[in-house]
């Protein structure tokens, strides 16, 4: 249980919930990452900015690493192809289910 961090997890949950609520209150949009990324190519010009800001969530870990941040090694006990297939299936499921957990208020 050395990686059990309830305080940082709770803070992260509050930040995700707050940002999702603010997007809904401010723009009337649901903050589901799968829908935001999936519809970015066909978005109205006025919607592109906030969609790109959310896509920045994906770039954040890469930027952190480039800035010199350290990340513990990740060990996954299955072949990479299984992980990729699982990720694609999760993405498909979120599209079929009309959004991911961030859009349904974590």
Protein backbone atom coordinates (compact mmCIF):
# COMPACT_ATOMS: atom_id res chain seq x y z
CA UNK A 1 0.00 0.00 0.00
CA UNK A 2 2.98 2.31 -0.47
CA UNK A 3 1.27 4.01 -3.43
CA UNK A 4 -2.02 4.65 -1.60
CA UNK A 5 -2.57 8.41 -1.82
CA UNK A 6 -6.15 9.24 -0.86
CA UNK A 7 -5.55 12.98 -0.42
CA UNK A 8 -4.06 13.55 -3.87
CA UNK A 9 -6.70 11.26 -5.40
CA UNK A 10 -9.48 13.25 -3.71
CA UNK A 11 -7.98 16.55 -4.88
CA UNK A 12 -7.74 15.18 -8.43
CA UNK A 13 -11.36 14.06 -8.31
CA UNK A 14 -12.49 17.48 -7.10
CA UNK A 15 -10.53 19.19 -9.90
CA UNK A 16 -11.99 16.89 -12.57
CA UNK A 17 -15.52 17.34 -11.22
CA UNK A 18 -15.12 21.10 -10.96
CA UNK A 19 -13.76 21.45 -14.50
CA UNK A 20 -16.56 19.26 -15.89
CA UNK A 21 -19.18 21.32 -14.02
CA UNK A 22 -17.67 24.61 -15.19
CA UNK A 23 -17.64 23.47 -18.82
CA UNK A 24 -21.30 22.46 -18.52
CA UNK A 25 -22.31 25.67 -16.75
CA UNK A 26 -20.20 27.94 -18.95
CA UNK A 27 -20.69 26.42 -22.39
CA UNK A 28 -23.47 23.88 -21.91
CA UNK A 29 -21.10 21.09 -22.97
CA UNK A 30 -20.44 17.75 -21.32
CA UNK A 31 -16.76 17.15 -20.58
CA UNK A 32 -16.43 13.63 -21.93
CA UNK A 33 -12.92 13.26 -23.32
CA UNK A 34 -13.99 10.60 -25.84
CA UNK A 35 -16.63 12.90 -27.33
CA UNK A 36 -14.37 15.94 -27.27
CA UNK A 37 -11.58 14.19 -29.14
CA UNK A 38 -13.92 12.17 -31.36
CA UNK A 39 -15.72 15.28 -32.61
CA UNK A 40 -12.76 17.68 -32.83
CA UNK A 41 -12.44 17.34 -36.63
CA UNK A 42 -16.09 18.25 -37.22
CA UNK A 43 -16.44 20.85 -34.46
CA UNK A 44 -17.75 24.35 -35.07
CA UNK A 45 -14.94 26.93 -35.23
CA UNK A 46 -16.03 28.45 -31.89
CA UNK A 47 -15.76 25.04 -30.21
CA UNK A 48 -12.23 24.20 -31.34
CA UNK A 49 -10.43 26.22 -28.61
CA UNK A 50 -11.91 24.52 -25.59
CA UNK A 51 -11.61 21.12 -27.26
CA UNK A 52 -7.89 21.69 -27.83
CA UNK A 53 -7.52 22.73 -24.17
CA UNK A 54 -9.00 19.40 -23.09
CA UNK A 55 -6.77 17.51 -25.53
CA UNK A 56 -3.92 19.18 -23.61
CA UNK A 57 -4.77 16.80 -20.79
CA UNK A 58 -3.25 14.04 -22.90
CA UNK A 59 -0.11 16.09 -23.57
CA UNK A 60 0.42 16.99 -19.89
CA UNK A 61 2.27 13.79 -18.88
CA UNK A 62 4.56 14.09 -21.90
CA UNK A 63 5.32 17.74 -21.10
CA UNK A 64 5.95 16.79 -17.47
CA UNK A 65 8.48 14.19 -18.57
CA UNK A 66 10.17 16.63 -20.97
CA UNK A 67 10.43 19.18 -18.15
CA UNK A 68 12.44 16.67 -16.13
CA UNK A 69 9.76 15.05 -14.02
CA UNK A 70 10.40 11.50 -12.96
CA UNK A 71 7.89 8.70 -13.33
CA UNK A 72 8.16 5.30 -11.68
CA UNK A 73 8.49 2.43 -14.15
CA UNK A 74 5.25 0.79 -15.16
CA UNK A 75 5.16 -2.99 -15.31
CA UNK A 76 2.34 -4.59 -17.25
CA UNK A 77 2.14 -8.36 -17.27
CA UNK A 78 0.46 -8.70 -20.69
CA UNK A 79 1.66 -8.12 -24.26
CA UNK A 80 1.45 -4.57 -25.63
CA UNK A 81 -1.00 -5.68 -28.31
CA UNK A 82 -3.50 -6.70 -25.60
CA UNK A 83 -3.13 -3.30 -23.89
CA UNK A 84 -3.65 -1.44 -27.18
CA UNK A 85 -6.68 -3.57 -28.07
CA UNK A 86 -8.12 -2.97 -24.59
CA UNK A 87 -7.65 0.79 -24.93
CA UNK A 88 -9.37 0.80 -28.31
CA UNK A 89 -12.27 -1.22 -26.92
CA UNK A 90 -12.65 1.18 -24.00
CA UNK A 91 -12.71 4.09 -26.46
CA UNK A 92 -15.33 2.34 -28.56
CA UNK A 93 -17.40 1.62 -25.47
CA UNK A 94 -17.33 5.22 -24.32
CA UNK A 95 -18.49 6.37 -27.75
CA UNK A 96 -21.30 3.82 -27.81
CA UNK A 97 -22.26 4.74 -24.25
CA UNK A 98 -22.34 8.46 -25.05
CA UNK A 99 -19.32 9.52 -23.04
CA UNK A 100 -16.74 8.63 -20.46
CA UNK A 101 -16.75 9.01 -16.68
CA UNK A 102 -15.46 12.59 -16.77
CA UNK A 103 -18.53 13.55 -18.77
CA UNK A 104 -20.86 11.81 -16.35
CA UNK A 105 -19.51 13.64 -13.28
CA UNK A 106 -16.85 11.57 -11.62
